[in-house]
Amino acid sequence: MRQLAGERPDGRAGVRELADAIGPPWTRAAAHASYVDTVADRITPWPGEDTAAAVAAATGRADAAPVVAEPFAEWILCGDFPAGRPRWEDAGARFVPDITPYERRKLWLLNGGHSLLAYAGPPRGHATVAEAVADPLCRAWLDEWWDEASAVLAPDSGPAAYRAALLERFANPRIAHALAKIAENGAEKLLTRVVPVLRAARRNGRTPAAALRPIAAWLLYEREGRTGSVRDAACGVLDRLGLPRDPDLVDALVRQADALSRT
């Protein structure tokens, strides 16, 4: 699997490292195992306090750990099954020769869009994804981010159709996806959801506002209630994301944070 800086490592390496730590028999098993990469795409917000009561009222059953899920569901797989497998494709699973384009599509368009709204939405009074995407300004920022990310996605992964479906998914008022929950662990999420797109633009000599806006919004989120200059905060954010303290990049991030703070 080809990997961009900031993306998650190949899962095979993790399995083999664990096997090595356990002992030689496991090392041999891991070396001869067949590995299958998957992308599971379905929005499942953290359940609210009233979710269990709603399930009980609707079904008459007590569920201590209910999960709310959207109607949309997609499961994509790539790999070999030497011992055979069930006919998962009969239930809608898709088998592809390379999982990477679909993984990036989900990370950058769905997850990256979520992170943008998680940091840019609350200052405008929004608490959920559905509220934020209904805001014309947030929607414009989302479109600009999607344009930037789509430019470095493989065309055969279908980014245009995926974006159209995402708008309907994000706007679903029955999926109360809390922005505060999405905002947790910002650095870890932005490293895979946003940074690769920014790096791709920078390699082409560009520093687009659309790729900086989620990072700038996170900067303001992290800086809330703190003192110190925005420039110092920008340098700290770039350090945490493994990005260079290039003067042009720092200036652009400061400008974007300033623009967001005035909206």
C-alpha atoms as a PDB file:
ATOM      1  CA  MET A   1       0.000   0.000   0.000  1.00  0.00           C
ATOM      2  CA  ARG A   2       1.387   3.370  -0.989  1.00  0.00           C
ATOM      3  CA  GLN A   3       1.406   5.731   1.982  1.00  0.00           C
ATOM      4  CA  LEU A   4       1.411   9.523   2.258  1.00  0.00           C
ATOM      5  CA  ALA A   5       3.085  11.275   5.178  1.00  0.00           C
ATOM      6  CA  GLY A   6       0.646  11.500   8.051  1.00  0.00           C
ATOM      7  CA  GLU A   7      -1.405   8.460   7.078  1.00  0.00           C
ATOM      8  CA  ARG A   8      -1.744   5.441   9.331  1.00  0.00           C
ATOM      9  CA  PRO A   9       0.928   2.727   8.990  1.00  0.00           C
ATOM     10  CA  ASP A  10       0.246  -0.600   7.300  1.00  0.00           C
ATOM     11  CA  GLY A  11      -1.571  -2.882   9.765  1.00  0.00           C
ATOM     12  CA  ARG A  12       0.620  -5.820   8.765  1.00  0.00           C
ATOM     13  CA  ALA A  13       3.565  -4.233  10.543  1.00  0.00           C
ATOM     14  CA  GLY A  14       1.617  -3.997  13.793  1.00  0.00           C
ATOM     15  CA  VAL A  15       0.563  -7.638  13.679  1.00  0.00           C
ATOM     16  CA  ARG A  16       4.083  -8.798  12.917  1.00  0.00           C
ATOM     17  CA  GLU A  17       5.554  -6.656  15.694  1.00  0.00           C
ATOM     18  CA  LEU A  18       3.109  -8.157  18.187  1.00  0.00           C
ATOM     19  CA  ALA A  19       3.869 -11.666  16.924  1.00  0.00           C
ATOM     20  CA  ASP A  20       7.621 -11.067  17.331  1.00  0.00           C
ATOM     21  CA  ALA A  21       7.050  -9.986  20.922  1.00  0.00           C
ATOM     22  CA  ILE A  22       5.078 -13.156  21.728  1.00  0.00           C
ATOM     23  CA  GLY A  23       7.527 -15.673  20.293  1.00  0.00           C
ATOM     24  CA  PRO A  24       8.876 -17.511  17.218  1.00  0.00           C
ATOM     25  CA  PRO A  25       5.772 -19.653  16.502  1.00  0.00           C
ATOM     26  CA  TRP A  26       3.671 -16.526  16.233  1.00  0.00           C
ATOM     27  CA  THR A  27       6.322 -14.830  14.108  1.00  0.00           C
ATOM     28  CA  ARG A  28       6.168 -17.716  11.637  1.00  0.00           C
ATOM     29  CA  ALA A  29       2.369 -17.620  11.625  1.00  0.00           C
ATOM     30  CA  ALA A  30       2.301 -13.866  11.009  1.00  0.00           C
ATOM     31  CA  ALA A  31       4.768 -14.232   8.142  1.00  0.00           C
ATOM     32  CA  HIS A  32       2.499 -16.720   6.364  1.00  0.00           C
ATOM     33  CA  ALA A  33      -0.823 -15.058   7.148  1.00  0.00           C
ATOM     34  CA  SER A  34      -3.014 -13.429   4.525  1.00  0.00           C
ATOM     35  CA  TYR A  35      -3.917  -9.831   5.332  1.00  0.00           C
ATOM     36  CA  VAL A  36      -7.078  -8.083   4.201  1.00  0.00           C
ATOM     37  CA  ASP A  37      -7.432  -4.297   4.255  1.00  0.00           C
ATOM     38  CA  THR A  38     -10.906  -2.875   4.805  1.00  0.00           C
ATOM     39  CA  VAL A  39     -12.741   0.424   4.906  1.00  0.00           C
ATOM     40  CA  ALA A  40     -15.971   0.472   6.909  1.00  0.00           C
ATOM     41  CA  ASP A  41     -17.945   3.638   6.229  1.00  0.00           C
ATOM     42  CA  ARG A  42     -20.930   4.401   8.432  1.00  0.00           C
ATOM     43  CA  ILE A  43     -21.497   7.348  10.738  1.00  0.00           C
ATOM     44  CA  THR A  44     -22.219   6.137  14.280  1.00  0.00           C
ATOM     45  CA  PRO A  45     -22.352   9.047  16.735  1.00  0.00           C
ATOM     46  CA  TRP A  46     -21.561   8.592  20.384  1.00  0.00           C
ATOM     47  CA  PRO A  47     -24.924   7.647  21.984  1.00  0.00           C
ATOM     48  CA  GLY A  48     -26.587  10.264  24.142  1.00  0.00           C
ATOM     49  CA  GLU A  49     -27.973   9.746  27.619  1.00  0.00           C
ATOM     50  CA  ASP A  50     -31.481   9.308  26.209  1.00  0.00           C
ATOM     51  CA  THR A  51     -30.527   6.750  23.549  1.00  0.00           C
ATOM     52  CA  ALA A  52     -31.171   3.675  25.711  1.00  0.00           C
ATOM     53  CA  ALA A  53     -34.585   5.043  26.712  1.00  0.00           C
ATOM     54  CA  ALA A  54     -35.486   5.694  23.070  1.00  0.00           C
ATOM     55  CA  VAL A  55     -34.493   2.136  22.115  1.00  0.00           C
ATOM     56  CA  ALA A  56     -36.547   0.690  24.975  1.00  0.00           C
ATOM     57  CA  ALA A  57     -39.577   2.754  23.984  1.00  0.00           C
ATOM     58  CA  ALA A  58     -39.317   1.716  20.336  1.00  0.00           C
ATOM     59  CA  THR A  59     -38.523  -1.979  20.779  1.00  0.00           C
ATOM     60  CA  GLY A  60     -39.552  -2.920  24.300  1.00  0.00           C
ATOM     61  CA  ARG A  61     -36.036  -4.219  24.912  1.00  0.00           C
ATOM     62  CA  ALA A  62     -33.392  -2.984  27.338  1.00  0.00           C
ATOM     63  CA  ASP A  63     -30.047  -2.276  25.683  1.00  0.00           C
ATOM     64  CA  ALA A  64     -27.230  -1.049  27.922  1.00  0.00           C
ATOM     65  CA  ALA A  65     -24.995  -0.065  25.008  1.00  0.00           C
ATOM     66  CA  PRO A  66     -27.103   0.978  22.021  1.00  0.00           C
ATOM     67  CA  VAL A  67     -25.424   2.336  18.898  1.00  0.00           C
ATOM     68  CA  VAL A  68     -27.181   4.794  16.633  1.00  0.00           C
ATOM     69  CA  ALA A  69     -26.245   4.428  12.961  1.00  0.00           C
ATOM     70  CA  GLU A  70     -27.144   6.287   9.799  1.00  0.00           C
ATOM     71  CA  PRO A  71     -28.949   4.504   6.919  1.00  0.00           C
ATOM     72  CA  PHE A  72     -25.833   4.673   4.696  1.00  0.00           C
ATOM     73  CA  ALA A  73     -23.332   1.816   4.988  1.00  0.00           C
ATOM     74  CA  GLU A  74     -20.345   0.808   2.855  1.00  0.00           C
ATOM     75  CA  TRP A  75     -17.804  -1.965   3.363  1.00  0.00           C
ATOM     76  CA  ILE A  76     -14.825  -2.187   1.017  1.00  0.00           C
ATOM     77  CA  LEU A  77     -12.228  -4.972   1.167  1.00  0.00           C
ATOM     78  CA  CYS A  78      -8.922  -5.695  -0.524  1.00  0.00           C
ATOM     79  CA  GLY A  79      -6.909  -8.893  -0.072  1.00  0.00           C
ATOM     80  CA  ASP A  80      -6.765 -12.628  -0.501  1.00  0.00           C
ATOM     81  CA  PHE A  81      -8.774 -15.313   1.295  1.00  0.00           C
ATOM     82  CA  PRO A  82      -6.791 -18.533   0.763  1.00  0.00           C
ATOM     83  CA  ALA A  83      -9.231 -20.578   2.873  1.00  0.00           C
ATOM     84  CA  GLY A  84     -12.309 -19.052   1.262  1.00  0.00           C
ATOM     85  CA  ARG A  85     -14.857 -16.632   2.664  1.00  0.00           C
ATOM     86  CA  PRO A  86     -18.602 -15.991   2.870  1.00  0.00           C
ATOM     87  CA  ARG A  87     -20.226 -14.235  -0.127  1.00  0.00           C
ATOM     88  CA  TRP A  88     -20.187 -10.861   1.585  1.00  0.00           C
ATOM     89  CA  GLU A  89     -20.740  -9.155  -1.762  1.00  0.00           C
ATOM     90  CA  ASP A  90     -24.303 -10.537  -1.663  1.00  0.00           C
ATOM     91  CA  ALA A  91     -24.892  -8.206   1.289  1.00  0.00           C
ATOM     92  CA  GLY A  92     -23.314  -5.211  -0.450  1.00  0.00           C
ATOM     93  CA  ALA A  93     -19.599  -5.538   0.330  1.00  0.00           C
ATOM     94  CA  ARG A  94     -17.236  -4.401  -2.422  1.00  0.00           C
ATOM     95  CA  PHE A  95     -13.930  -6.039  -3.286  1.00  0.00           C
ATOM     96  CA  VAL A  96     -11.304  -3.818  -4.911  1.00  0.00           C
ATOM     97  CA  PRO A  97      -7.683  -4.351  -6.035  1.00  0.00           C
ATOM     98  CA  ASP A  98      -6.380  -1.372  -4.037  1.00  0.00           C
ATOM     99  CA  ILE A  99      -7.961  -0.058  -0.832  1.00  0.00           C
ATOM    100  CA  THR A 100      -5.877   3.131  -0.693  1.00  0.00           C
ATOM    101  CA  PRO A 101      -8.091   5.411  -2.846  1.00  0.00           C
ATOM    102  CA  TYR A 102     -11.174   4.502  -0.831  1.00  0.00           C
ATOM    103  CA  GLU A 103      -9.419   4.890   2.511  1.00  0.00           C
ATOM    104  CA  ARG A 104      -8.207   8.347   1.521  1.00  0.00           C
ATOM    105  CA  ARG A 105     -11.631   9.307   0.196  1.00  0.00           C
ATOM    106  CA  LYS A 106     -13.232   8.501   3.540  1.00  0.00           C
ATOM    107  CA  LEU A 107     -10.444  10.032   5.647  1.00  0.00           C
ATOM    108  CA  TRP A 108     -10.233  13.286   3.725  1.00  0.00           C
ATOM    109  CA  LEU A 109     -13.819  13.921   2.647  1.00  0.00           C
ATOM    110  CA  LEU A 110     -15.898  12.445   5.481  1.00  0.00           C
ATOM    111  CA  ASN A 111     -13.510  12.584   8.439  1.00  0.00           C
ATOM    112  CA  GLY A 112     -11.693  15.722   7.287  1.00  0.00           C
ATOM    113  CA  GLY A 113     -15.037  17.438   6.753  1.00  0.00           C
ATOM    114  CA  HIS A 114     -16.121  16.392  10.226  1.00  0.00           C
ATOM    115  CA  SER A 115     -12.957  17.845  11.780  1.00  0.00           C
ATOM    116  CA  LEU A 116     -13.387  21.128   9.927  1.00  0.00           C
ATOM    117  CA  LEU A 117     -16.972  21.478  11.183  1.00  0.00           C
ATOM    118  CA  ALA A 118     -15.991  20.333  14.695  1.00  0.00           C
ATOM    119  CA  TYR A 119     -13.688  23.337  15.141  1.00  0.00           C
ATOM    120  CA  ALA A 120     -15.306  25.922  12.865  1.00  0.00           C
ATOM    121  CA  GLY A 121     -18.918  25.183  13.815  1.00  0.00           C
ATOM    122  CA  PRO A 122     -19.091  25.807  17.589  1.00  0.00           C
ATOM    123  CA  PRO A 123     -17.867  29.445  17.424  1.00  0.00           C
ATOM    124  CA  ARG A 124     -20.866  30.043  15.152  1.00  0.00           C
ATOM    125  CA  GLY A 125     -23.229  28.497  17.687  1.00  0.00           C
ATOM    126  CA  HIS A 126     -23.522  24.976  16.277  1.00  0.00           C
ATOM    127  CA  ALA A 127     -23.489  21.813  18.371  1.00  0.00           C
ATOM    128  CA  THR A 128     -23.970  19.065  15.754  1.00  0.00           C
ATOM    129  CA  VAL A 129     -22.795  18.254  12.239  1.00  0.00           C
ATOM    130  CA  ALA A 130     -26.338  18.733  10.903  1.00  0.00           C
ATOM    131  CA  GLU A 131     -26.526  22.229  12.399  1.00  0.00           C
ATOM    132  CA  ALA A 132     -23.111  23.227  11.048  1.00  0.00           C
ATOM    133  CA  VAL A 133     -23.668  21.980   7.504  1.00  0.00           C
ATOM    134  CA  ALA A 134     -26.943  23.951   7.371  1.00  0.00           C
ATOM    135  CA  ASP A 135     -24.932  27.161   7.963  1.00  0.00           C
ATOM    136  CA  PRO A 136     -24.147  28.690   4.526  1.00  0.00           C
ATOM    137  CA  LEU A 137     -20.681  29.820   5.598  1.00  0.00           C
ATOM    138  CA  CYS A 138     -19.726  26.440   7.108  1.00  0.00           C
ATOM    139  CA  ARG A 139     -21.124  24.770   4.004  1.00  0.00           C
ATOM    140  CA  ALA A 140     -18.961  27.007   1.804  1.00  0.00           C
ATOM    141  CA  TRP A 141     -15.869  26.123   3.862  1.00  0.00           C
ATOM    142  CA  LEU A 142     -16.784  22.448   3.560  1.00  0.00           C
ATOM    143  CA  ASP A 143     -17.109  22.703  -0.224  1.00  0.00           C
ATOM    144  CA  GLU A 144     -13.742  24.447  -0.467  1.00  0.00           C
ATOM    145  CA  TRP A 145     -12.113  21.723   1.639  1.00  0.00           C
ATOM    146  CA  TRP A 146     -13.722  19.017  -0.471  1.00  0.00           C
ATOM    147  CA  ASP A 147     -12.511  20.717  -3.654  1.00  0.00           C
ATOM    148  CA  GLU A 148      -8.947  20.739  -2.343  1.00  0.00           C
ATOM    149  CA  ALA A 149      -9.035  17.147  -1.102  1.00  0.00           C
ATOM    150  CA  SER A 150     -10.760  15.854  -4.244  1.00  0.00           C
ATOM    151  CA  ALA A 151      -7.969  17.268  -6.388  1.00  0.00           C
ATOM    152  CA  VAL A 152      -5.543  14.707  -4.943  1.00  0.00           C
ATOM    153  CA  LEU A 153      -7.961  11.775  -4.804  1.00  0.00           C
ATOM    154  CA  ALA A 154      -8.016   9.055  -7.441  1.00  0.00           C
ATOM    155  CA  PRO A 155     -10.864   9.828  -9.880  1.00  0.00           C
ATOM    156  CA  ASP A 156     -11.935   6.168  -9.966  1.00  0.00           C
ATOM    157  CA  SER A 157     -12.797   6.343  -6.246  1.00  0.00           C
ATOM    158  CA  GLY A 158     -15.779   8.498  -7.222  1.00  0.00           C
ATOM    159  CA  PRO A 159     -15.216  11.627  -5.118  1.00  0.00           C
ATOM    160  CA  ALA A 160     -17.999  13.643  -6.791  1.00  0.00           C
ATOM    161  CA  ALA A 161     -20.717  11.073  -6.083  1.00  0.00           C
ATOM    162  CA  TYR A 162     -19.303  10.511  -2.600  1.00  0.00           C
ATOM    163  CA  ARG A 163     -19.495  14.240  -1.851  1.00  0.00           C
ATOM    164  CA  ALA A 164     -23.117  14.405  -2.972  1.00  0.00           C
ATOM    165  CA  ALA A 165     -23.983  11.505  -0.684  1.00  0.00           C
ATOM    166  CA  LEU A 166     -22.047  13.088   2.196  1.00  0.00           C
ATOM    167  CA  LEU A 167     -24.134  16.253   2.060  1.00  0.00           C
ATOM    168  CA  GLU A 168     -27.272  14.223   2.627  1.00  0.00           C
ATOM    169  CA  ARG A 169     -25.570  12.177   5.334  1.00  0.00           C
ATOM    170  CA  PHE A 170     -24.211  15.226   7.183  1.00  0.00           C
ATOM    171  CA  ALA A 171     -27.571  17.008   7.016  1.00  0.00           C
ATOM    172  CA  ASN A 172     -29.528  14.094   8.516  1.00  0.00           C
ATOM    173  CA  PRO A 173     -31.167  15.657  11.606  1.00  0.00           C
ATOM    174  CA  ARG A 174     -31.792  12.240  13.172  1.00  0.00           C
ATOM    175  CA  ILE A 175     -28.043  11.648  13.473  1.00  0.00           C
ATOM    176  CA  ALA A 176     -27.131  13.982  16.320  1.00  0.00           C
ATOM    177  CA  HIS A 177     -23.384  13.842  15.778  1.00  0.00           C
ATOM    178  CA  ALA A 178     -21.903  16.079  18.458  1.00  0.00           C
ATOM    179  CA  LEU A 179     -19.133  18.388  17.260  1.00  0.00           C
ATOM    180  CA  ALA A 180     -17.595  18.364  20.734  1.00  0.00           C
ATOM    181  CA  LYS A 181     -17.052  14.612  20.479  1.00  0.00           C
ATOM    182  CA  ILE A 182     -15.503  14.843  17.016  1.00  0.00           C
ATOM    183  CA  ALA A 183     -13.185  17.597  18.275  1.00  0.00           C
ATOM    184  CA  GLU A 184     -11.449  15.266  20.747  1.00  0.00           C
ATOM    185  CA  ASN A 185      -7.865  14.154  19.997  1.00  0.00           C
ATOM    186  CA  GLY A 186      -7.451  16.836  17.373  1.00  0.00           C
ATOM    187  CA  ALA A 187      -3.767  16.396  16.569  1.00  0.00           C
ATOM    188  CA  GLU A 188      -4.085  12.659  16.001  1.00  0.00           C
ATOM    189  CA  LYS A 189      -7.103  13.118  13.732  1.00  0.00           C
ATOM    190  CA  LEU A 190      -5.755  16.034  11.708  1.00  0.00           C
ATOM    191  CA  LEU A 191      -2.564  14.098  10.981  1.00  0.00           C
ATOM    192  CA  THR A 192      -4.516  11.635   8.848  1.00  0.00           C
ATOM    193  CA  ARG A 193      -7.507  13.721   7.796  1.00  0.00           C
ATOM    194  CA  VAL A 194      -5.989  17.041   6.747  1.00  0.00           C
ATOM    195  CA  VAL A 195      -2.192  17.106   6.823  1.00  0.00           C
ATOM    196  CA  PRO A 196      -1.680  14.795   3.796  1.00  0.00           C
ATOM    197  CA  VAL A 197      -3.770  17.112   1.629  1.00  0.00           C
ATOM    198  CA  LEU A 198      -1.843  20.169   2.813  1.00  0.00           C
ATOM    199  CA  ARG A 199       1.462  18.403   2.159  1.00  0.00           C
ATOM    200  CA  ALA A 200       0.355  17.509  -1.372  1.00  0.00           C
ATOM    201  CA  ALA A 201      -0.513  21.146  -2.074  1.00  0.00           C
ATOM    202  CA  ARG A 202       2.779  22.350  -0.630  1.00  0.00           C
ATOM    203  CA  ARG A 203       4.706  19.974  -2.891  1.00  0.00           C
ATOM    204  CA  ASN A 204       3.032  21.760  -5.780  1.00  0.00           C
ATOM    205  CA  GLY A 205       4.074  25.164  -4.455  1.00  0.00           C
ATOM    206  CA  ARG A 206       0.658  26.050  -3.014  1.00  0.00           C
ATOM    207  CA  THR A 207      -0.600  26.874   0.469  1.00  0.00           C
ATOM    208  CA  PRO A 208      -4.384  26.857  -0.013  1.00  0.00           C
ATOM    209  CA  ALA A 209      -6.664  28.446   2.543  1.00  0.00           C
ATOM    210  CA  ALA A 210      -9.014  25.458   2.334  1.00  0.00           C
ATOM    211  CA  ALA A 211      -6.325  23.096   3.614  1.00  0.00           C
ATOM    212  CA  LEU A 212      -5.213  25.499   6.342  1.00  0.00           C
ATOM    213  CA  ARG A 213      -8.689  26.366   7.618  1.00  0.00           C
ATOM    214  CA  PRO A 214      -9.263  23.132   9.615  1.00  0.00           C
ATOM    215  CA  ILE A 215      -5.840  23.535  11.221  1.00  0.00           C
ATOM    216  CA  ALA A 216      -6.441  27.216  11.970  1.00  0.00           C
ATOM    217  CA  ALA A 217      -9.843  26.395  13.473  1.00  0.00           C
ATOM    218  CA  TRP A 218      -8.193  23.762  15.662  1.00  0.00           C
ATOM    219  CA  LEU A 219      -5.539  26.313  16.678  1.00  0.00           C
ATOM    220  CA  LEU A 220      -8.272  28.653  17.925  1.00  0.00           C
ATOM    221  CA  TYR A 221     -10.029  25.750  19.669  1.00  0.00           C
ATOM    222  CA  GLU A 222      -6.801  24.780  21.465  1.00  0.00           C
ATOM    223  CA  ARG A 223      -5.961  28.384  22.299  1.00  0.00           C
ATOM    224  CA  GLU A 224      -9.311  29.275  23.865  1.00  0.00           C
ATOM    225  CA  GLY A 225      -8.788  30.765  27.302  1.00  0.00           C
ATOM    226  CA  ARG A 226      -5.018  30.895  26.923  1.00  0.00           C
ATOM    227  CA  THR A 227      -2.689  33.827  26.618  1.00  0.00           C
ATOM    228  CA  GLY A 228       0.203  34.315  24.227  1.00  0.00           C
ATOM    229  CA  SER A 229       0.512  35.333  20.600  1.00  0.00           C
ATOM    230  CA  VAL A 230      -1.283  33.635  17.748  1.00  0.00           C
ATOM    231  CA  ARG A 231       2.062  33.311  15.958  1.00  0.00           C
ATOM    232  CA  ASP A 232       3.555  31.339  18.848  1.00  0.00           C
ATOM    233  CA  ALA A 233       0.453  29.150  18.877  1.00  0.00           C
ATOM    234  CA  ALA A 234       0.769  28.625  15.127  1.00  0.00           C
ATOM    235  CA  CYS A 235       4.355  27.472  15.509  1.00  0.00           C
ATOM    236  CA  GLY A 236       3.321  25.071  18.250  1.00  0.00           C
ATOM    237  CA  VAL A 237       0.509  23.645  16.123  1.00  0.00           C
ATOM    238  CA  LEU A 238       2.855  23.094  13.171  1.00  0.00           C
ATOM    239  CA  ASP A 239       5.278  21.296  15.472  1.00  0.00           C
ATOM    240  CA  ARG A 240       2.549  18.984  16.765  1.00  0.00           C
ATOM    241  CA  LEU A 241       1.465  18.128  13.233  1.00  0.00           C
ATOM    242  CA  GLY A 242       4.990  17.498  11.998  1.00  0.00           C
ATOM    243  CA  LEU A 243       4.869  20.461   9.634  1.00  0.00           C
ATOM    244  CA  PRO A 244       7.808  22.820   9.101  1.00  0.00           C
ATOM    245  CA  ARG A 245       7.983  26.260  10.685  1.00  0.00           C
ATOM    246  CA  ASP A 246       8.352  27.706   7.230  1.00  0.00           C
ATOM    247  CA  PRO A 247       7.809  31.500   7.506  1.00  0.00           C
ATOM    248  CA  ASP A 248       5.310  31.488   4.633  1.00  0.00           C
ATOM    249  CA  LEU A 249       3.358  28.628   6.200  1.00  0.00           C
ATOM    250  CA  VAL A 250       3.358  30.278   9.618  1.00  0.00           C
ATOM    251  CA  ASP A 251       2.164  33.573   8.100  1.00  0.00           C
ATOM    252  CA  ALA A 252      -0.586  31.832   6.145  1.00  0.00           C
ATOM    253  CA  LEU A 253      -1.784  29.945   9.233  1.00  0.00           C
ATOM    254  CA  VAL A 254      -1.846  33.138  11.310  1.00  0.00           C
ATOM    255  CA  ARG A 255      -3.828  34.928   8.600  1.00  0.00           C
ATOM    256  CA  GLN A 256      -6.326  32.107   8.417  1.00  0.00           C
ATOM    257  CA  ALA A 257      -6.745  32.015  12.205  1.00  0.00           C
ATOM    258  CA  ASP A 258      -7.288  35.776  12.208  1.00  0.00           C
ATOM    259  CA  ALA A 259      -9.907  35.496   9.456  1.00  0.00           C
ATOM    260  CA  LEU A 260     -11.751  32.768  11.351  1.00  0.00           C
ATOM    261  CA  SER A 261     -11.723  34.734  14.565  1.00  0.00           C
ATOM    262  CA  ARG A 262     -13.504  37.594  12.797  1.00  0.00           C
ATOM    263  CA  THR A 263     -16.342  35.512  11.279  1.00  0.00           C
END
